[in-house]
Amino acid sequence: MEITGLIPHIEALIFASDKPLPVLEITDLLNNAFGFMDDKIALDQVEAAIEGIVEKYNSEFYPFEVVQSGGGWQFLTKGEYHKTVAQLNGDKFMKRLSAAALETLAIIAYKQPVTKGEIEAIRGVSADYAVQRLLEKELIIITGRNEKLPGHPLVYATSKSFMDYFGINSSDDLPKIKEVLSEYMVEPTPMQPQNEIDKSIDVSDEMPDAEAGVGDLEIEWETLEEENNRELANRLPNDSTENLENAIEGKPLAVSETGELIESNEDNAKDGLDSQGDDQNTDNTETD
């Protein structure tokens, strides 16, 4: 049969199935339907027909598409129509797993097959209720018993419903733990070995000699003091030798509002006392 003739039959099978259909199962169903034919339908013919179906429903004209999920092929509504479809089954879509159930489901997904005791050892608390809820939702299944452990505890693994719900085909499609944690890891800053630091920094070349530094500071201080004295002498009148000596000795200098240098308060006080003494001597002479 031509591939174009197989496409509508494959579409009908995928649409009518209540679970994802693997390619092998589709091939067997087609051969059973066309048992009167001498030539059997080959697997590669079915795969080629499915590729054509996928390409057909990827068009913007269709609100749904054919997706391989949960280990088989199925029709799914496209993501942009989620809010519209959610109005029909709002309660179903709003149901969420608790934090404990999500932790338990993650442990089972990455550690499967795993016993309840191993789950509790990782979480540190009882996992009875979480495991029971996951079994009710058909996200996990019991695959058998661990014959090597005492009591032969039950062994749990994820179900096909789990793969269908998360859009994967096997546990190998789960994201790697390193890839998930790499987004939250901070790369350490590489440290330079101590011997390389000692080689790159030579203390003798960077720091000057202490005694030489003290000598240089003394010379610079003397030079600065001489320059300040010369600058002060240039600002004073030529006949103010006494004021210059007072300035050098650190005595206070008085400056008028016009910027002219006047005598200090101490000299004014001395002159006032001398003038009072002369006035008293003059009065005594006149009395005599």
Foldseek 3Di string as FASTA:
>chain_A
DALVVCLVVLVVVQAPDPAFDALVNSQVVVCVVVVVDPDGDDSVSSVVSVVVQQVVCVDPVHQWGWAQWLQHIHIDGDPVCCVVVCVVVVVVVPDDDDPLLVLLLVCQLVVPQDFQVVSCVVVVDHCVVSVVVCVVVQQKDFPAFDPVDPPGTTTMHGHSVVRRVVGHHGSVPDDDPCVVCVVVDDDDDDDDDPVVVCVVDDPPVPDDDPVVVVVVVVVVVVVVVVVVLVVVVVLADPPVPVVSVCVVVPHDWDADPVGHTDDDPVVVVVVVVVVVVVVVVVVVVVVD
